[in-house]
């Protein structure tokens, strides 16, 4: 297997942790990567950042099960110009867990956060994803 080339290329900028977290705070939808029956699954979720932790509101099910198992999950967010002139992407890897502490749960319930979709009843569960590993890239193409 060939190693990935991670050298910076013209127009590609490697972002610092601080830049990544700052960019993440500008969007509200990300993609949560979990393992279901040993197979990868990518699920869209609404989220907010709270003290460098990703908070997701959800219902019981796949996301909650993955988080409750303290599994390491992937979380990705991005933004881009539809014309292809600029874009950025941030990837977070870290353990997920369900928020169960009463004071932390009360704080999570005050966040401006709704679940991506309601299908199994009220979305009254909250996941926390630790931002253990954060990496990001930004690209810009000049005109011409």
C-alpha atoms as a PDB file:
ATOM      1  CA  UNK A   1       0.000   0.000   0.000  1.00  0.00           C
ATOM      2  CA  UNK A   2       1.332   3.415  -0.966  1.00  0.00           C
ATOM      3  CA  UNK A   3       1.575   6.148   1.671  1.00  0.00           C
ATOM      4  CA  UNK A   4      -0.587   9.218   1.070  1.00  0.00           C
ATOM      5  CA  UNK A   5       1.237  12.283  -0.154  1.00  0.00           C
ATOM      6  CA  UNK A   6       0.629  14.970   2.487  1.00  0.00           C
ATOM      7  CA  UNK A   7       3.028  17.585   1.133  1.00  0.00           C
ATOM      8  CA  UNK A   8       1.415  20.985   0.628  1.00  0.00           C
ATOM      9  CA  UNK A   9       0.529  21.734  -2.986  1.00  0.00           C
ATOM     10  CA  UNK A  10       0.054  25.099  -4.653  1.00  0.00           C
ATOM     11  CA  UNK A  11      -3.240  26.546  -3.464  1.00  0.00           C
ATOM     12  CA  UNK A  12      -3.584  23.991  -0.634  1.00  0.00           C
ATOM     13  CA  UNK A  13      -3.103  25.171   2.939  1.00  0.00           C
ATOM     14  CA  UNK A  14      -2.810  22.916   5.995  1.00  0.00           C
ATOM     15  CA  UNK A  15      -4.883  24.410   8.830  1.00  0.00           C
ATOM     16  CA  UNK A  16      -3.982  24.603  12.513  1.00  0.00           C
ATOM     17  CA  UNK A  17      -6.240  23.121  15.187  1.00  0.00           C
ATOM     18  CA  UNK A  18      -7.432  26.630  16.097  1.00  0.00           C
ATOM     19  CA  UNK A  19      -8.250  27.479  12.477  1.00  0.00           C
ATOM     20  CA  UNK A  20     -10.124  24.177  12.101  1.00  0.00           C
ATOM     21  CA  UNK A  21     -12.256  24.769  15.203  1.00  0.00           C
ATOM     22  CA  UNK A  22     -12.937  28.348  14.136  1.00  0.00           C
ATOM     23  CA  UNK A  23     -14.143  27.198  10.709  1.00  0.00           C
ATOM     24  CA  UNK A  24     -16.250  24.432  12.262  1.00  0.00           C
ATOM     25  CA  UNK A  25     -18.089  27.034  14.312  1.00  0.00           C
ATOM     26  CA  UNK A  26     -19.305  28.696  11.090  1.00  0.00           C
ATOM     27  CA  UNK A  27     -21.424  25.744   9.920  1.00  0.00           C
ATOM     28  CA  UNK A  28     -24.200  23.741  11.564  1.00  0.00           C
ATOM     29  CA  UNK A  29     -24.257  20.477   9.589  1.00  0.00           C
ATOM     30  CA  UNK A  30     -21.557  17.832   9.609  1.00  0.00           C
ATOM     31  CA  UNK A  31     -21.162  14.158   8.840  1.00  0.00           C
ATOM     32  CA  UNK A  32     -20.684  11.565  11.568  1.00  0.00           C
ATOM     33  CA  UNK A  33     -18.736   8.454  10.612  1.00  0.00           C
ATOM     34  CA  UNK A  34     -19.513   5.359  12.675  1.00  0.00           C
ATOM     35  CA  UNK A  35     -19.149   1.618  12.300  1.00  0.00           C
ATOM     36  CA  UNK A  36     -22.318  -0.461  11.881  1.00  0.00           C
ATOM     37  CA  UNK A  37     -21.744  -4.214  11.906  1.00  0.00           C
ATOM     38  CA  UNK A  38     -18.047  -3.562  11.146  1.00  0.00           C
ATOM     39  CA  UNK A  39     -18.947  -1.481   8.067  1.00  0.00           C
ATOM     40  CA  UNK A  40     -18.499   2.287   7.720  1.00  0.00           C
ATOM     41  CA  UNK A  41     -21.568   4.534   7.722  1.00  0.00           C
ATOM     42  CA  UNK A  42     -21.703   8.304   7.237  1.00  0.00           C
ATOM     43  CA  UNK A  43     -24.679  10.126   8.754  1.00  0.00           C
ATOM     44  CA  UNK A  44     -25.577  13.830   8.415  1.00  0.00           C
ATOM     45  CA  UNK A  45     -26.123  15.616  11.728  1.00  0.00           C
ATOM     46  CA  UNK A  46     -26.688  19.103  13.069  1.00  0.00           C
ATOM     47  CA  UNK A  47     -24.087  20.070  15.659  1.00  0.00           C
ATOM     48  CA  UNK A  48     -22.653  22.837  17.785  1.00  0.00           C
ATOM     49  CA  UNK A  49     -19.224  23.277  19.306  1.00  0.00           C
ATOM     50  CA  UNK A  50     -19.140  23.639  23.078  1.00  0.00           C
ATOM     51  CA  UNK A  51     -15.743  24.083  24.721  1.00  0.00           C
ATOM     52  CA  UNK A  52     -13.997  22.312  21.816  1.00  0.00           C
ATOM     53  CA  UNK A  53     -16.425  19.383  21.960  1.00  0.00           C
ATOM     54  CA  UNK A  54     -18.896  18.508  19.220  1.00  0.00           C
ATOM     55  CA  UNK A  55     -22.451  18.208  20.550  1.00  0.00           C
ATOM     56  CA  UNK A  56     -25.146  16.390  18.560  1.00  0.00           C
ATOM     57  CA  UNK A  57     -28.821  16.034  19.472  1.00  0.00           C
ATOM     58  CA  UNK A  58     -30.330  12.699  18.468  1.00  0.00           C
ATOM     59  CA  UNK A  59     -32.767   9.874  19.123  1.00  0.00           C
ATOM     60  CA  UNK A  60     -31.899   6.360  20.306  1.00  0.00           C
ATOM     61  CA  UNK A  61     -30.337   4.341  17.493  1.00  0.00           C
ATOM     62  CA  UNK A  62     -27.142   4.014  15.481  1.00  0.00           C
ATOM     63  CA  UNK A  63     -25.466   7.297  16.455  1.00  0.00           C
ATOM     64  CA  UNK A  64     -26.367   6.888  20.099  1.00  0.00           C
ATOM     65  CA  UNK A  65     -25.277   3.249  20.168  1.00  0.00           C
ATOM     66  CA  UNK A  66     -21.886   4.128  18.654  1.00  0.00           C
ATOM     67  CA  UNK A  67     -21.386   6.941  21.149  1.00  0.00           C
ATOM     68  CA  UNK A  68     -22.510   4.957  24.164  1.00  0.00           C
ATOM     69  CA  UNK A  69     -19.933   2.294  23.307  1.00  0.00           C
ATOM     70  CA  UNK A  70     -17.203   4.966  23.658  1.00  0.00           C
ATOM     71  CA  UNK A  71     -16.237   4.182  20.062  1.00  0.00           C
ATOM     72  CA  UNK A  72     -13.847   6.414  18.210  1.00  0.00           C
ATOM     73  CA  UNK A  73     -15.844   8.160  15.526  1.00  0.00           C
ATOM     74  CA  UNK A  74     -15.019  10.420  12.610  1.00  0.00           C
ATOM     75  CA  UNK A  75     -16.660  13.791  12.135  1.00  0.00           C
ATOM     76  CA  UNK A  76     -16.257  15.910   9.013  1.00  0.00           C
ATOM     77  CA  UNK A  77     -17.409  19.396   8.080  1.00  0.00           C
ATOM     78  CA  UNK A  78     -16.694  21.527   5.066  1.00  0.00           C
ATOM     79  CA  UNK A  79     -17.692  24.505   3.002  1.00  0.00           C
ATOM     80  CA  UNK A  80     -16.913  25.425  -0.565  1.00  0.00           C
ATOM     81  CA  UNK A  81     -17.607  27.734  -3.444  1.00  0.00           C
ATOM     82  CA  UNK A  82     -19.896  25.960  -5.944  1.00  0.00           C
ATOM     83  CA  UNK A  83     -17.708  27.458  -8.691  1.00  0.00           C
ATOM     84  CA  UNK A  84     -14.674  25.634  -7.320  1.00  0.00           C
ATOM     85  CA  UNK A  85     -12.608  28.713  -6.439  1.00  0.00           C
ATOM     86  CA  UNK A  86     -12.247  27.963  -2.730  1.00  0.00           C
ATOM     87  CA  UNK A  87     -13.147  25.415  -0.088  1.00  0.00           C
ATOM     88  CA  UNK A  88     -12.128  23.899   3.198  1.00  0.00           C
ATOM     89  CA  UNK A  89     -12.577  20.613   5.004  1.00  0.00           C
ATOM     90  CA  UNK A  90     -12.017  19.632   8.636  1.00  0.00           C
ATOM     91  CA  UNK A  91     -11.784  16.088   9.973  1.00  0.00           C
ATOM     92  CA  UNK A  92     -12.095  15.224  13.674  1.00  0.00           C
ATOM     93  CA  UNK A  93     -11.331  11.817  15.182  1.00  0.00           C
ATOM     94  CA  UNK A  94     -12.246  11.146  18.788  1.00  0.00           C
ATOM     95  CA  UNK A  95     -14.304   9.081  21.192  1.00  0.00           C
ATOM     96  CA  UNK A  96     -18.018   9.668  21.388  1.00  0.00           C
ATOM     97  CA  UNK A  97     -20.151   9.394  24.496  1.00  0.00           C
ATOM     98  CA  UNK A  98     -23.707  10.052  25.529  1.00  0.00           C
ATOM     99  CA  UNK A  99     -24.119  13.047  27.823  1.00  0.00           C
ATOM    100  CA  UNK A 100     -25.716  11.742  31.009  1.00  0.00           C
ATOM    101  CA  UNK A 101     -24.386  13.997  33.788  1.00  0.00           C
ATOM    102  CA  UNK A 102     -27.404  16.063  34.939  1.00  0.00           C
ATOM    103  CA  UNK A 103     -25.620  19.444  34.858  1.00  0.00           C
ATOM    104  CA  UNK A 104     -24.020  18.769  31.447  1.00  0.00           C
ATOM    105  CA  UNK A 105     -27.343  17.511  30.104  1.00  0.00           C
ATOM    106  CA  UNK A 106     -29.137  20.646  31.338  1.00  0.00           C
ATOM    107  CA  UNK A 107     -26.538  22.788  29.551  1.00  0.00           C
ATOM    108  CA  UNK A 108     -26.863  20.745  26.328  1.00  0.00           C
ATOM    109  CA  UNK A 109     -30.637  21.206  26.386  1.00  0.00           C
ATOM    110  CA  UNK A 110     -30.184  24.995  26.233  1.00  0.00           C
ATOM    111  CA  UNK A 111     -28.043  24.866  23.080  1.00  0.00           C
ATOM    112  CA  UNK A 112     -29.544  26.114  19.796  1.00  0.00           C
ATOM    113  CA  UNK A 113     -29.540  22.598  18.414  1.00  0.00           C
ATOM    114  CA  UNK A 114     -32.137  20.396  16.782  1.00  0.00           C
ATOM    115  CA  UNK A 115     -31.854  16.839  15.568  1.00  0.00           C
ATOM    116  CA  UNK A 116     -31.298  16.202  11.857  1.00  0.00           C
ATOM    117  CA  UNK A 117     -34.526  14.205  11.678  1.00  0.00           C
ATOM    118  CA  UNK A 118     -37.178  12.964  14.088  1.00  0.00           C
ATOM    119  CA  UNK A 119     -38.210   9.415  13.371  1.00  0.00           C
ATOM    120  CA  UNK A 120     -38.266   7.415  16.621  1.00  0.00           C
ATOM    121  CA  UNK A 121     -39.787   9.934  19.003  1.00  0.00           C
ATOM    122  CA  UNK A 122     -38.403  13.060  20.612  1.00  0.00           C
ATOM    123  CA  UNK A 123     -34.728  13.804  20.085  1.00  0.00           C
ATOM    124  CA  UNK A 124     -33.835  14.134  23.738  1.00  0.00           C
ATOM    125  CA  UNK A 125     -30.426  12.451  23.725  1.00  0.00           C
ATOM    126  CA  UNK A 126     -27.121  14.274  23.316  1.00  0.00           C
ATOM    127  CA  UNK A 127     -23.794  12.979  22.045  1.00  0.00           C
ATOM    128  CA  UNK A 128     -20.411  14.469  22.797  1.00  0.00           C
ATOM    129  CA  UNK A 129     -17.473  13.908  20.471  1.00  0.00           C
ATOM    130  CA  UNK A 130     -14.042  14.766  21.821  1.00  0.00           C
ATOM    131  CA  UNK A 131     -11.836  16.668  19.384  1.00  0.00           C
ATOM    132  CA  UNK A 132      -8.856  14.412  20.047  1.00  0.00           C
ATOM    133  CA  UNK A 133      -7.377  14.643  16.536  1.00  0.00           C
ATOM    134  CA  UNK A 134      -8.232  17.595  14.326  1.00  0.00           C
ATOM    135  CA  UNK A 135      -6.911  18.188  10.830  1.00  0.00           C
ATOM    136  CA  UNK A 136      -7.976  20.439   8.029  1.00  0.00           C
ATOM    137  CA  UNK A 137      -7.176  21.784   4.593  1.00  0.00           C
ATOM    138  CA  UNK A 138      -8.189  24.895   2.688  1.00  0.00           C
ATOM    139  CA  UNK A 139      -7.770  25.440  -1.032  1.00  0.00           C
ATOM    140  CA  UNK A 140      -7.985  28.525  -3.187  1.00  0.00           C
ATOM    141  CA  UNK A 141      -7.662  28.788  -6.932  1.00  0.00           C
ATOM    142  CA  UNK A 142      -6.636  32.049  -8.497  1.00  0.00           C
ATOM    143  CA  UNK A 143      -8.515  33.455 -11.473  1.00  0.00           C
ATOM    144  CA  UNK A 144      -6.577  32.751 -14.572  1.00  0.00           C
END
